[in-house]
Amino acid sequence: MKYQARPHYLYNPAFTTPEIAQVEESFLTNWLSIHEPPDEQRLFHYTTLDGMQGILNSRSLWLGHVTSLSDRSEIQYGQQLIEEVFKEITKQESNDILRQFIQQLGVWIHAFAAHSMHHIFVACFCESRDLLSQWRGYAQRGEGYCLGFEFSSVTRIASNLDNLNNAKEPYLRKVIYLPTKQKELVSSYLSSLLPAVQAALSSSRLPKQDSMTNVTIMAIQSASILLDMLFSFKHPAFVSEQEWRLVWVTRNDFEPQGVNFRERLGQLIPYRPVYIFDNLAESSRSFPLRSIGFGPLLEPLRTRATLQLLLQRMSKAVHPISIQPSFEIFEAGFSLRPG
């Protein structure tokens, strides 16, 4: 039942190179293990009262466009860090063809960070179920709620409530904050790619065309893992958030009907509602919510009783995704009240 992270390929090159594929396979063994929460570990989404009611009513999460997150420049942060590693390795590389390969990788990184081909939507989670900064920042300054989700091998997400049969496995990523770790990951991947590119160019398997065309196509094949890193990296100033994220990446020309907009401070904020469920059977789809915590500024007895009544009502509501009435309900372990 344990959730297994999968690779996410954004580009389909004209052909794939076995040497590159071998490097990817080797790197992904370690990379994907980072993004697999331990079995039965919950991930917590802090939200407001309106947010909690909306999530329970719809059985969905609103995935916000990455430009609307708390750190508006985080994609640019990942881009700049990757480009720094590229510059360092390019300085040490004397082979012009391999330098061109690094340059082509940079083209795809830049295009992705500029949202010229894809858009990234995410829902944010936290490893901790009782974190003061999260209560203050995302849960009505201590008057909100903390929803505990459990991702497993049967968890699925869908953008269309009327077609849950086309649901897919969730794309879940743990955020990496340490710059030395971030650079180490990029450097180890690129350092393994360069000899693979050289070996591929020396073989007779590549199409008979000029070497730069082959290099460009190999760069397309190699770029997806770097892009996966790009939106898994975040500035170390945010390390206290202990963030995981549910990711939905869409091309500019795909599924425009799935994007909605809300208003905040006079600006439009794009988001995608995504329905989430455990696909136990076609006739038995269950919302993977395991607990609800309430903030340190709420009255414990009243809030606990109200949540129990709310969950009992929700479990009886007619919906393609069912809610189980048995939840853990907990209160924050500290008080924000004076005295």
C-alpha atoms as a PDB file:
ATOM      1  CA  MET A   1       0.000   0.000   0.000  1.00  0.00           C
ATOM      2  CA  LYS A   2       3.019   2.320   0.220  1.00  0.00           C
ATOM      3  CA  TYR A   3       3.059   5.272  -2.168  1.00  0.00           C
ATOM      4  CA  GLN A   4       5.730   4.901  -4.864  1.00  0.00           C
ATOM      5  CA  ALA A   5       7.130   7.994  -6.576  1.00  0.00           C
ATOM      6  CA  ARG A   6       7.254   7.791 -10.364  1.00  0.00           C
ATOM      7  CA  PRO A   7       9.377   9.670 -12.895  1.00  0.00           C
ATOM      8  CA  HIS A   8       7.617  12.483 -14.731  1.00  0.00           C
ATOM      9  CA  TYR A   9       8.627  13.048 -18.361  1.00  0.00           C
ATOM     10  CA  LEU A  10       7.557  16.365 -19.857  1.00  0.00           C
ATOM     11  CA  TYR A  11       9.201  16.075 -23.266  1.00  0.00           C
ATOM     12  CA  ASN A  12       9.054  13.430 -25.984  1.00  0.00           C
ATOM     13  CA  PRO A  13      12.215  13.604 -28.112  1.00  0.00           C
ATOM     14  CA  ALA A  14      12.321  12.350 -31.696  1.00  0.00           C
ATOM     15  CA  PHE A  15      14.322   9.340 -30.474  1.00  0.00           C
ATOM     16  CA  THR A  16      15.730   8.058 -27.192  1.00  0.00           C
ATOM     17  CA  THR A  17      19.351   7.218 -26.614  1.00  0.00           C
ATOM     18  CA  PRO A  18      20.092   4.058 -24.591  1.00  0.00           C
ATOM     19  CA  GLU A  19      23.169   5.641 -22.984  1.00  0.00           C
ATOM     20  CA  ILE A  20      21.077   8.560 -21.699  1.00  0.00           C
ATOM     21  CA  ALA A  21      18.298   6.224 -20.577  1.00  0.00           C
ATOM     22  CA  GLN A  22      20.795   4.218 -18.518  1.00  0.00           C
ATOM     23  CA  VAL A  23      21.992   7.368 -16.724  1.00  0.00           C
ATOM     24  CA  GLU A  24      18.394   8.400 -16.040  1.00  0.00           C
ATOM     25  CA  GLU A  25      17.484   4.991 -14.655  1.00  0.00           C
ATOM     26  CA  SER A  26      20.496   4.975 -12.336  1.00  0.00           C
ATOM     27  CA  PHE A  27      19.857   8.516 -11.078  1.00  0.00           C
ATOM     28  CA  LEU A  28      16.131   7.957 -10.548  1.00  0.00           C
ATOM     29  CA  THR A  29      16.766   5.107  -8.105  1.00  0.00           C
ATOM     30  CA  ASN A  30      18.049   7.607  -5.539  1.00  0.00           C
ATOM     31  CA  TRP A  31      15.992  10.606  -6.650  1.00  0.00           C
ATOM     32  CA  LEU A  32      12.592   8.918  -6.390  1.00  0.00           C
ATOM     33  CA  SER A  33      13.364   7.378  -2.990  1.00  0.00           C
ATOM     34  CA  ILE A  34      13.603  10.933  -1.591  1.00  0.00           C
ATOM     35  CA  HIS A  35       9.973  11.533  -2.567  1.00  0.00           C
ATOM     36  CA  GLU A  36       8.364   8.483  -0.969  1.00  0.00           C
ATOM     37  CA  PRO A  37       6.885   9.205   2.466  1.00  0.00           C
ATOM     38  CA  PRO A  38       7.202   6.332   4.937  1.00  0.00           C
ATOM     39  CA  ASP A  39       4.269   3.943   4.952  1.00  0.00           C
ATOM     40  CA  GLU A  40       1.225   5.442   6.709  1.00  0.00           C
ATOM     41  CA  GLN A  41       2.927   8.808   7.221  1.00  0.00           C
ATOM     42  CA  ARG A  42       0.427  11.622   6.925  1.00  0.00           C
ATOM     43  CA  LEU A  43       1.083  14.880   5.153  1.00  0.00           C
ATOM     44  CA  PHE A  44      -0.712  17.917   6.528  1.00  0.00           C
ATOM     45  CA  HIS A  45      -2.460  20.733   4.714  1.00  0.00           C
ATOM     46  CA  TYR A  46      -3.085  23.849   6.821  1.00  0.00           C
ATOM     47  CA  THR A  47      -6.080  25.897   5.767  1.00  0.00           C
ATOM     48  CA  THR A  48      -8.844  28.265   6.801  1.00  0.00           C
ATOM     49  CA  LEU A  49     -12.386  27.379   7.863  1.00  0.00           C
ATOM     50  CA  ASP A  50     -13.672  28.128   4.356  1.00  0.00           C
ATOM     51  CA  GLY A  51     -10.845  26.064   2.882  1.00  0.00           C
ATOM     52  CA  MET A  52     -11.626  23.044   5.064  1.00  0.00           C
ATOM     53  CA  GLN A  53     -15.342  23.180   4.260  1.00  0.00           C
ATOM     54  CA  GLY A  54     -14.624  23.467   0.549  1.00  0.00           C
ATOM     55  CA  ILE A  55     -12.232  20.504   0.616  1.00  0.00           C
ATOM     56  CA  LEU A  56     -14.707  18.300   2.525  1.00  0.00           C
ATOM     57  CA  ASN A  57     -17.679  19.290   0.367  1.00  0.00           C
ATOM     58  CA  SER A  58     -15.938  18.780  -2.974  1.00  0.00           C
ATOM     59  CA  ARG A  59     -13.380  16.068  -2.009  1.00  0.00           C
ATOM     60  CA  SER A  60     -10.906  18.142  -3.954  1.00  0.00           C
ATOM     61  CA  LEU A  61      -7.837  20.291  -3.447  1.00  0.00           C
ATOM     62  CA  TRP A  62      -7.174  23.567  -5.204  1.00  0.00           C
ATOM     63  CA  LEU A  63      -3.749  23.437  -6.785  1.00  0.00           C
ATOM     64  CA  GLY A  64      -2.483  26.992  -7.140  1.00  0.00           C
ATOM     65  CA  HIS A  65      -0.298  28.220  -9.969  1.00  0.00           C
ATOM     66  CA  VAL A  66       3.315  28.181  -8.843  1.00  0.00           C
ATOM     67  CA  THR A  67       3.635  31.953  -9.352  1.00  0.00           C
ATOM     68  CA  SER A  68       1.014  32.516  -6.643  1.00  0.00           C
ATOM     69  CA  LEU A  69       2.854  30.638  -3.868  1.00  0.00           C
ATOM     70  CA  SER A  70       4.365  32.235  -0.755  1.00  0.00           C
ATOM     71  CA  ASP A  71       7.768  32.402  -2.459  1.00  0.00           C
ATOM     72  CA  ARG A  72       6.865  33.928  -5.828  1.00  0.00           C
ATOM     73  CA  SER A  73      10.394  33.473  -7.185  1.00  0.00           C
ATOM     74  CA  GLU A  74      10.981  29.836  -6.275  1.00  0.00           C
ATOM     75  CA  ILE A  75      11.031  28.593  -9.872  1.00  0.00           C
ATOM     76  CA  GLN A  76      13.596  31.298 -10.635  1.00  0.00           C
ATOM     77  CA  TYR A  77      15.572  30.158  -7.584  1.00  0.00           C
ATOM     78  CA  GLY A  78      15.802  26.617  -8.950  1.00  0.00           C
ATOM     79  CA  GLN A  79      16.619  27.899 -12.421  1.00  0.00           C
ATOM     80  CA  GLN A  80      19.466  30.092 -11.168  1.00  0.00           C
ATOM     81  CA  LEU A  81      20.926  27.310  -9.029  1.00  0.00           C
ATOM     82  CA  ILE A  82      20.907  24.832 -11.922  1.00  0.00           C
ATOM     83  CA  GLU A  83      22.443  27.415 -14.259  1.00  0.00           C
ATOM     84  CA  GLU A  84      25.212  28.078 -11.705  1.00  0.00           C
ATOM     85  CA  VAL A  85      26.111  24.384 -11.737  1.00  0.00           C
ATOM     86  CA  PHE A  86      26.018  24.415 -15.544  1.00  0.00           C
ATOM     87  CA  LYS A  87      28.504  27.319 -15.621  1.00  0.00           C
ATOM     88  CA  GLU A  88      30.878  25.593 -13.212  1.00  0.00           C
ATOM     89  CA  ILE A  89      30.917  22.341 -15.201  1.00  0.00           C
ATOM     90  CA  THR A  90      31.136  24.167 -18.555  1.00  0.00           C
ATOM     91  CA  LYS A  91      34.300  25.945 -17.389  1.00  0.00           C
ATOM     92  CA  GLN A  92      35.899  22.570 -16.686  1.00  0.00           C
ATOM     93  CA  GLU A  93      34.756  20.964 -19.964  1.00  0.00           C
ATOM     94  CA  SER A  94      37.068  21.261 -22.972  1.00  0.00           C
ATOM     95  CA  ASN A  95      34.936  19.306 -25.454  1.00  0.00           C
ATOM     96  CA  ASP A  96      32.949  21.768 -27.591  1.00  0.00           C
ATOM     97  CA  ILE A  97      30.197  19.271 -28.373  1.00  0.00           C
ATOM     98  CA  LEU A  98      29.604  18.582 -24.670  1.00  0.00           C
ATOM     99  CA  ARG A  99      29.610  22.300 -23.940  1.00  0.00           C
ATOM    100  CA  GLN A 100      26.914  22.654 -26.602  1.00  0.00           C
ATOM    101  CA  PHE A 101      24.954  19.874 -24.910  1.00  0.00           C
ATOM    102  CA  ILE A 102      25.007  21.795 -21.598  1.00  0.00           C
ATOM    103  CA  GLN A 103      23.933  24.940 -23.429  1.00  0.00           C
ATOM    104  CA  GLN A 104      20.976  23.102 -24.987  1.00  0.00           C
ATOM    105  CA  LEU A 105      19.922  21.834 -21.560  1.00  0.00           C
ATOM    106  CA  GLY A 106      19.962  25.446 -20.402  1.00  0.00           C
ATOM    107  CA  VAL A 107      17.580  26.403 -23.215  1.00  0.00           C
ATOM    108  CA  TRP A 108      14.972  23.926 -21.959  1.00  0.00           C
ATOM    109  CA  ILE A 109      15.455  24.990 -18.341  1.00  0.00           C
ATOM    110  CA  HIS A 110      14.929  28.636 -19.303  1.00  0.00           C
ATOM    111  CA  ALA A 111      11.807  27.863 -21.368  1.00  0.00           C
ATOM    112  CA  PHE A 112      10.264  25.904 -18.508  1.00  0.00           C
ATOM    113  CA  ALA A 113      11.012  28.567 -15.889  1.00  0.00           C
ATOM    114  CA  ALA A 114       9.452  31.207 -18.159  1.00  0.00           C
ATOM    115  CA  HIS A 115       6.202  29.151 -18.362  1.00  0.00           C
ATOM    116  CA  SER A 116       6.427  29.370 -22.146  1.00  0.00           C
ATOM    117  CA  MET A 117       5.494  25.706 -22.663  1.00  0.00           C
ATOM    118  CA  HIS A 118       4.152  24.375 -19.344  1.00  0.00           C
ATOM    119  CA  HIS A 119       2.319  25.596 -16.287  1.00  0.00           C
ATOM    120  CA  ILE A 120       2.844  24.143 -12.810  1.00  0.00           C
ATOM    121  CA  PHE A 121       0.062  23.877 -10.238  1.00  0.00           C
ATOM    122  CA  VAL A 122       0.752  22.676  -6.700  1.00  0.00           C
ATOM    123  CA  ALA A 123      -0.957  21.984  -3.380  1.00  0.00           C
ATOM    124  CA  CYS A 124       1.352  22.331  -0.385  1.00  0.00           C
ATOM    125  CA  PHE A 125       1.643  19.956   2.576  1.00  0.00           C
ATOM    126  CA  CYS A 126       3.772  19.866   5.718  1.00  0.00           C
ATOM    127  CA  GLU A 127       5.410  16.946   7.517  1.00  0.00           C
ATOM    128  CA  SER A 128       4.364  18.328  10.912  1.00  0.00           C
ATOM    129  CA  ARG A 129       0.806  18.258  12.140  1.00  0.00           C
ATOM    130  CA  ASP A 130       1.360  20.943  14.749  1.00  0.00           C
ATOM    131  CA  LEU A 131       3.715  23.656  13.531  1.00  0.00           C
ATOM    132  CA  LEU A 132       3.323  27.189  14.885  1.00  0.00           C
ATOM    133  CA  SER A 133       4.495  28.924  11.699  1.00  0.00           C
ATOM    134  CA  GLN A 134       1.929  26.973   9.654  1.00  0.00           C
ATOM    135  CA  TRP A 135      -0.921  27.817  12.022  1.00  0.00           C
ATOM    136  CA  ARG A 136       0.002  31.470  11.799  1.00  0.00           C
ATOM    137  CA  GLY A 137       0.753  31.657   8.089  1.00  0.00           C
ATOM    138  CA  TYR A 138      -1.912  29.467   6.497  1.00  0.00           C
ATOM    139  CA  ALA A 139      -4.606  28.711   9.084  1.00  0.00           C
ATOM    140  CA  GLN A 140      -6.200  32.045  10.015  1.00  0.00           C
ATOM    141  CA  ARG A 141      -3.423  32.906  12.477  1.00  0.00           C
ATOM    142  CA  GLY A 142      -4.338  29.984  14.709  1.00  0.00           C
ATOM    143  CA  GLU A 143      -8.097  29.822  14.090  1.00  0.00           C
ATOM    144  CA  GLY A 144      -7.870  27.407  11.150  1.00  0.00           C
ATOM    145  CA  TYR A 145      -7.483  23.694  10.561  1.00  0.00           C
ATOM    146  CA  CYS A 146      -4.864  21.095   9.691  1.00  0.00           C
ATOM    147  CA  LEU A 147      -5.955  18.242   7.405  1.00  0.00           C
ATOM    148  CA  GLY A 148      -3.943  15.009   7.510  1.00  0.00           C
ATOM    149  CA  PHE A 149      -3.824  13.078   4.220  1.00  0.00           C
ATOM    150  CA  GLU A 150      -2.320   9.648   3.633  1.00  0.00           C
ATOM    151  CA  PHE A 151      -0.965   8.876   0.168  1.00  0.00           C
ATOM    152  CA  SER A 152      -0.686   5.200  -0.779  1.00  0.00           C
ATOM    153  CA  SER A 153      -0.405   2.933  -3.804  1.00  0.00           C
ATOM    154  CA  VAL A 154      -4.163   3.181  -4.410  1.00  0.00           C
ATOM    155  CA  THR A 155      -4.407   6.995  -4.181  1.00  0.00           C
ATOM    156  CA  ARG A 156      -5.485   8.666  -7.411  1.00  0.00           C
ATOM    157  CA  ILE A 157      -6.150  12.235  -8.599  1.00  0.00           C
ATOM    158  CA  ALA A 158      -8.459  13.478 -11.340  1.00  0.00           C
ATOM    159  CA  SER A 159      -9.375  16.834 -12.834  1.00  0.00           C
ATOM    160  CA  ASN A 160     -12.905  15.783 -13.819  1.00  0.00           C
ATOM    161  CA  LEU A 161     -15.384  14.516 -11.244  1.00  0.00           C
ATOM    162  CA  ASP A 162     -17.531  13.034 -14.030  1.00  0.00           C
ATOM    163  CA  ASN A 163     -14.692  10.869 -15.337  1.00  0.00           C
ATOM    164  CA  LEU A 164     -12.871   9.429 -12.328  1.00  0.00           C
ATOM    165  CA  ASN A 165     -11.969   6.322 -14.339  1.00  0.00           C
ATOM    166  CA  ASN A 166      -9.294   8.417 -16.069  1.00  0.00           C
ATOM    167  CA  ALA A 167      -7.629   9.344 -12.786  1.00  0.00           C
ATOM    168  CA  LYS A 168      -3.852   9.104 -12.478  1.00  0.00           C
ATOM    169  CA  GLU A 169      -1.301   8.475  -9.760  1.00  0.00           C
ATOM    170  CA  PRO A 170      -0.419  11.570  -7.724  1.00  0.00           C
ATOM    171  CA  TYR A 171       2.799  13.388  -8.556  1.00  0.00           C
ATOM    172  CA  LEU A 172       4.184  13.992  -5.067  1.00  0.00           C
ATOM    173  CA  ARG A 173       7.499  15.669  -4.329  1.00  0.00           C
ATOM    174  CA  LYS A 174       9.411  16.476  -1.144  1.00  0.00           C
ATOM    175  CA  VAL A 175      10.931  19.962  -1.189  1.00  0.00           C
ATOM    176  CA  ILE A 176      14.744  20.127  -0.858  1.00  0.00           C
ATOM    177  CA  TYR A 177      16.103  23.236   0.860  1.00  0.00           C
ATOM    178  CA  LEU A 178      19.837  22.689   1.435  1.00  0.00           C
ATOM    179  CA  PRO A 179      21.833  24.407  -1.368  1.00  0.00           C
ATOM    180  CA  THR A 180      24.742  21.962  -1.074  1.00  0.00           C
ATOM    181  CA  LYS A 181      22.345  19.047  -1.546  1.00  0.00           C
ATOM    182  CA  GLN A 182      20.619  20.791  -4.452  1.00  0.00           C
ATOM    183  CA  LYS A 183      23.927  21.444  -6.251  1.00  0.00           C
ATOM    184  CA  GLU A 184      25.159  17.934  -5.525  1.00  0.00           C
ATOM    185  CA  LEU A 185      22.072  16.428  -7.192  1.00  0.00           C
ATOM    186  CA  VAL A 186      22.381  18.604 -10.304  1.00  0.00           C
ATOM    187  CA  SER A 187      26.128  18.092 -10.553  1.00  0.00           C
ATOM    188  CA  SER A 188      26.003  14.308 -10.147  1.00  0.00           C
ATOM    189  CA  TYR A 189      23.319  13.981 -12.812  1.00  0.00           C
ATOM    190  CA  LEU A 190      25.072  16.244 -15.322  1.00  0.00           C
ATOM    191  CA  SER A 191      28.471  14.676 -14.673  1.00  0.00           C
ATOM    192  CA  SER A 192      26.985  11.270 -15.504  1.00  0.00           C
ATOM    193  CA  LEU A 193      25.250  12.592 -18.618  1.00  0.00           C
ATOM    194  CA  LEU A 194      28.354  13.984 -20.319  1.00  0.00           C
ATOM    195  CA  PRO A 195      30.229  10.698 -20.818  1.00  0.00           C
ATOM    196  CA  ALA A 196      26.933   9.085 -21.904  1.00  0.00           C
ATOM    197  CA  VAL A 197      26.493  11.756 -24.598  1.00  0.00           C
ATOM    198  CA  GLN A 198      30.072  11.237 -25.740  1.00  0.00           C
ATOM    199  CA  ALA A 199      29.603   7.464 -25.869  1.00  0.00           C
ATOM    200  CA  ALA A 200      26.349   7.830 -27.818  1.00  0.00           C
ATOM    201  CA  LEU A 201      27.989  10.130 -30.376  1.00  0.00           C
ATOM    202  CA  SER A 202      30.749   7.580 -30.858  1.00  0.00           C
ATOM    203  CA  SER A 203      28.315   4.735 -31.498  1.00  0.00           C
ATOM    204  CA  SER A 204      26.618   3.857 -34.762  1.00  0.00           C
ATOM    205  CA  ARG A 205      23.089   3.787 -33.304  1.00  0.00           C
ATOM    206  CA  LEU A 206      22.272   7.479 -33.685  1.00  0.00           C
ATOM    207  CA  PRO A 207      20.440   8.700 -36.810  1.00  0.00           C
ATOM    208  CA  LYS A 208      22.755   9.770 -39.599  1.00  0.00           C
ATOM    209  CA  GLN A 209      22.457  13.528 -39.261  1.00  0.00           C
ATOM    210  CA  ASP A 210      24.722  16.296 -38.053  1.00  0.00           C
ATOM    211  CA  SER A 211      26.023  15.877 -34.498  1.00  0.00           C
ATOM    212  CA  MET A 212      24.404  19.086 -33.214  1.00  0.00           C
ATOM    213  CA  THR A 213      20.941  17.810 -34.137  1.00  0.00           C
ATOM    214  CA  ASN A 214      21.634  14.608 -32.208  1.00  0.00           C
ATOM    215  CA  VAL A 215      22.977  16.615 -29.257  1.00  0.00           C
ATOM    216  CA  THR A 216      19.842  18.766 -29.191  1.00  0.00           C
ATOM    217  CA  ILE A 217      17.576  15.715 -29.155  1.00  0.00           C
ATOM    218  CA  MET A 218      19.632  14.107 -26.383  1.00  0.00           C
ATOM    219  CA  ALA A 219      19.283  17.337 -24.380  1.00  0.00           C
ATOM    220  CA  ILE A 220      15.494  17.113 -24.740  1.00  0.00           C
ATOM    221  CA  GLN A 221      15.609  13.532 -23.485  1.00  0.00           C
ATOM    222  CA  SER A 222      17.754  14.548 -20.499  1.00  0.00           C
ATOM    223  CA  ALA A 223      15.858  17.697 -19.480  1.00  0.00           C
ATOM    224  CA  SER A 224      12.850  16.201 -17.680  1.00  0.00           C
ATOM    225  CA  ILE A 225      14.801  15.070 -14.609  1.00  0.00           C
ATOM    226  CA  LEU A 226      16.385  18.512 -14.267  1.00  0.00           C
ATOM    227  CA  LEU A 227      12.940  20.116 -14.463  1.00  0.00           C
ATOM    228  CA  ASP A 228      11.735  17.705 -11.785  1.00  0.00           C
ATOM    229  CA  MET A 229      14.563  18.996  -9.594  1.00  0.00           C
ATOM    230  CA  LEU A 230      13.779  22.610 -10.477  1.00  0.00           C
ATOM    231  CA  PHE A 231      10.375  22.669  -8.821  1.00  0.00           C
ATOM    232  CA  SER A 232      11.546  20.463  -5.941  1.00  0.00           C
ATOM    233  CA  PHE A 233      14.150  23.057  -4.910  1.00  0.00           C
ATOM    234  CA  LYS A 234      13.321  25.974  -2.630  1.00  0.00           C
ATOM    235  CA  HIS A 235      15.264  28.738  -0.913  1.00  0.00           C
ATOM    236  CA  PRO A 236      16.703  27.621   2.469  1.00  0.00           C
ATOM    237  CA  ALA A 237      14.880  30.506   4.209  1.00  0.00           C
ATOM    238  CA  PHE A 238      11.706  28.380   3.950  1.00  0.00           C
ATOM    239  CA  VAL A 239      13.177  25.226   5.516  1.00  0.00           C
ATOM    240  CA  SER A 240      10.915  25.450   8.593  1.00  0.00           C
ATOM    241  CA  GLU A 241       7.884  24.723   6.378  1.00  0.00           C
ATOM    242  CA  GLN A 242       8.943  21.047   5.949  1.00  0.00           C
ATOM    243  CA  GLU A 243       7.067  21.094   2.650  1.00  0.00           C
ATOM    244  CA  TRP A 244       5.830  18.372   0.356  1.00  0.00           C
ATOM    245  CA  ARG A 245       3.831  19.239  -2.720  1.00  0.00           C
ATOM    246  CA  LEU A 246       1.267  17.629  -4.953  1.00  0.00           C
ATOM    247  CA  VAL A 247       2.141  18.704  -8.499  1.00  0.00           C
ATOM    248  CA  TRP A 248       0.108  18.965 -11.690  1.00  0.00           C
ATOM    249  CA  VAL A 249       2.003  20.071 -14.798  1.00  0.00           C
ATOM    250  CA  THR A 250       0.084  20.950 -17.933  1.00  0.00           C
ATOM    251  CA  ARG A 251       1.099  22.175 -21.354  1.00  0.00           C
ATOM    252  CA  ASN A 252      -0.145  25.561 -22.484  1.00  0.00           C
ATOM    253  CA  ASP A 253      -2.368  24.034 -25.149  1.00  0.00           C
ATOM    254  CA  PHE A 254      -3.796  21.213 -22.998  1.00  0.00           C
ATOM    255  CA  GLU A 255      -6.859  21.211 -20.688  1.00  0.00           C
ATOM    256  CA  PRO A 256      -7.519  24.959 -20.517  1.00  0.00           C
ATOM    257  CA  GLN A 257     -11.035  24.153 -19.301  1.00  0.00           C
ATOM    258  CA  GLY A 258      -9.553  22.789 -16.057  1.00  0.00           C
ATOM    259  CA  VAL A 259      -8.188  26.164 -14.962  1.00  0.00           C
ATOM    260  CA  ASN A 260     -10.290  28.396 -12.696  1.00  0.00           C
ATOM    261  CA  PHE A 261      -9.574  31.849 -11.279  1.00  0.00           C
ATOM    262  CA  ARG A 262     -10.120  33.561  -7.955  1.00  0.00           C
ATOM    263  CA  GLU A 263      -9.435  37.124  -6.880  1.00  0.00           C
ATOM    264  CA  ARG A 264      -6.905  38.215  -4.260  1.00  0.00           C
ATOM    265  CA  LEU A 265      -5.906  41.815  -3.583  1.00  0.00           C
ATOM    266  CA  GLY A 266      -7.109  42.912  -7.003  1.00  0.00           C
ATOM    267  CA  GLN A 267      -5.249  40.156  -8.868  1.00  0.00           C
ATOM    268  CA  LEU A 268      -6.466  37.011 -10.611  1.00  0.00           C
ATOM    269  CA  ILE A 269      -5.050  33.793  -9.148  1.00  0.00           C
ATOM    270  CA  PRO A 270      -5.236  30.719 -11.438  1.00  0.00           C
ATOM    271  CA  TYR A 271      -5.854  27.328  -9.833  1.00  0.00           C
ATOM    272  CA  ARG A 272      -6.924  23.789 -10.743  1.00  0.00           C
ATOM    273  CA  PRO A 273      -9.419  21.811  -8.635  1.00  0.00           C
ATOM    274  CA  VAL A 274      -8.108  18.246  -8.375  1.00  0.00           C
ATOM    275  CA  TYR A 275     -10.199  15.428  -6.935  1.00  0.00           C
ATOM    276  CA  ILE A 276      -8.306  12.986  -4.739  1.00  0.00           C
ATOM    277  CA  PHE A 277      -9.399   9.500  -3.649  1.00  0.00           C
ATOM    278  CA  ASP A 278      -8.263   6.003  -2.777  1.00  0.00           C
ATOM    279  CA  ASN A 279      -9.361   3.777  -5.635  1.00  0.00           C
ATOM    280  CA  LEU A 280     -10.246   0.652  -3.672  1.00  0.00           C
ATOM    281  CA  ALA A 281     -12.769  -0.396  -6.325  1.00  0.00           C
ATOM    282  CA  GLU A 282     -14.854   1.365  -8.953  1.00  0.00           C
ATOM    283  CA  SER A 283     -17.810   1.352  -6.563  1.00  0.00           C
ATOM    284  CA  SER A 284     -15.687   2.213  -3.522  1.00  0.00           C
ATOM    285  CA  ARG A 285     -13.728   5.441  -3.798  1.00  0.00           C
ATOM    286  CA  SER A 286     -12.700   6.887  -0.465  1.00  0.00           C
ATOM    287  CA  PHE A 287     -11.340  10.326   0.420  1.00  0.00           C
ATOM    288  CA  PRO A 288      -7.805   9.727   1.866  1.00  0.00           C
ATOM    289  CA  LEU A 289      -8.243  12.182   4.748  1.00  0.00           C
ATOM    290  CA  ARG A 290      -7.241  10.627   8.063  1.00  0.00           C
ATOM    291  CA  SER A 291      -7.328  13.468  10.587  1.00  0.00           C
ATOM    292  CA  ILE A 292      -8.432  17.025  11.248  1.00  0.00           C
ATOM    293  CA  GLY A 293      -6.576  19.254  13.683  1.00  0.00           C
ATOM    294  CA  PHE A 294      -7.841  22.588  14.881  1.00  0.00           C
ATOM    295  CA  GLY A 295      -5.864  25.685  15.724  1.00  0.00           C
ATOM    296  CA  PRO A 296      -4.695  26.930  19.126  1.00  0.00           C
ATOM    297  CA  LEU A 297      -7.133  29.864  19.160  1.00  0.00           C
ATOM    298  CA  LEU A 298     -10.261  27.701  18.881  1.00  0.00           C
ATOM    299  CA  GLU A 299     -12.268  26.455  21.890  1.00  0.00           C
ATOM    300  CA  PRO A 300     -11.441  22.715  22.216  1.00  0.00           C
ATOM    301  CA  LEU A 301     -14.749  21.256  23.426  1.00  0.00           C
ATOM    302  CA  ARG A 302     -16.936  23.235  21.069  1.00  0.00           C
ATOM    303  CA  THR A 303     -14.666  22.718  18.062  1.00  0.00           C
ATOM    304  CA  ARG A 304     -14.258  18.973  18.610  1.00  0.00           C
ATOM    305  CA  ALA A 305     -18.011  18.417  18.940  1.00  0.00           C
ATOM    306  CA  THR A 306     -18.714  20.545  15.859  1.00  0.00           C
ATOM    307  CA  LEU A 307     -16.169  18.653  13.772  1.00  0.00           C
ATOM    308  CA  GLN A 308     -17.652  15.320  14.803  1.00  0.00           C
ATOM    309  CA  LEU A 309     -21.101  16.469  13.688  1.00  0.00           C
ATOM    310  CA  LEU A 310     -19.688  17.879  10.430  1.00  0.00           C
ATOM    311  CA  LEU A 311     -17.895  14.630   9.584  1.00  0.00           C
ATOM    312  CA  GLN A 312     -20.966  12.536  10.329  1.00  0.00           C
ATOM    313  CA  ARG A 313     -23.013  14.690   7.971  1.00  0.00           C
ATOM    314  CA  MET A 314     -20.316  14.624   5.270  1.00  0.00           C
ATOM    315  CA  SER A 315     -20.077  10.841   5.447  1.00  0.00           C
ATOM    316  CA  LYS A 316     -23.779  10.616   4.565  1.00  0.00           C
ATOM    317  CA  ALA A 317     -23.632  13.135   1.702  1.00  0.00           C
ATOM    318  CA  VAL A 318     -24.146  11.741  -1.812  1.00  0.00           C
ATOM    319  CA  HIS A 319     -20.868  12.039  -3.721  1.00  0.00           C
ATOM    320  CA  PRO A 320     -18.808   9.779  -6.053  1.00  0.00           C
ATOM    321  CA  ILE A 321     -16.039   9.926  -3.421  1.00  0.00           C
ATOM    322  CA  SER A 322     -17.046   8.818   0.063  1.00  0.00           C
ATOM    323  CA  ILE A 323     -15.854  10.178   3.400  1.00  0.00           C
ATOM    324  CA  GLN A 324     -15.257   7.747   6.236  1.00  0.00           C
ATOM    325  CA  PRO A 325     -16.860   8.982   9.477  1.00  0.00           C
ATOM    326  CA  SER A 326     -13.970   7.790  11.674  1.00  0.00           C
ATOM    327  CA  PHE A 327     -11.320  10.532  11.864  1.00  0.00           C
ATOM    328  CA  GLU A 328      -8.706  11.489  14.380  1.00  0.00           C
ATOM    329  CA  ILE A 329      -9.589  14.941  15.680  1.00  0.00           C
ATOM    330  CA  PHE A 330      -6.833  16.725  17.562  1.00  0.00           C
ATOM    331  CA  GLU A 331      -6.090  20.169  18.925  1.00  0.00           C
ATOM    332  CA  ALA A 332      -2.879  22.162  18.734  1.00  0.00           C
ATOM    333  CA  GLY A 333      -0.415  21.316  21.477  1.00  0.00           C
ATOM    334  CA  PHE A 334       0.122  24.918  22.562  1.00  0.00           C
ATOM    335  CA  SER A 335      -1.815  28.105  23.118  1.00  0.00           C
ATOM    336  CA  LEU A 336      -1.495  31.466  21.416  1.00  0.00           C
ATOM    337  CA  ARG A 337      -3.684  33.188  23.991  1.00  0.00           C
ATOM    338  CA  PRO A 338      -2.078  35.654  26.426  1.00  0.00           C
ATOM    339  CA  GLY A 339      -1.533  34.536  30.002  1.00  0.00           C
END
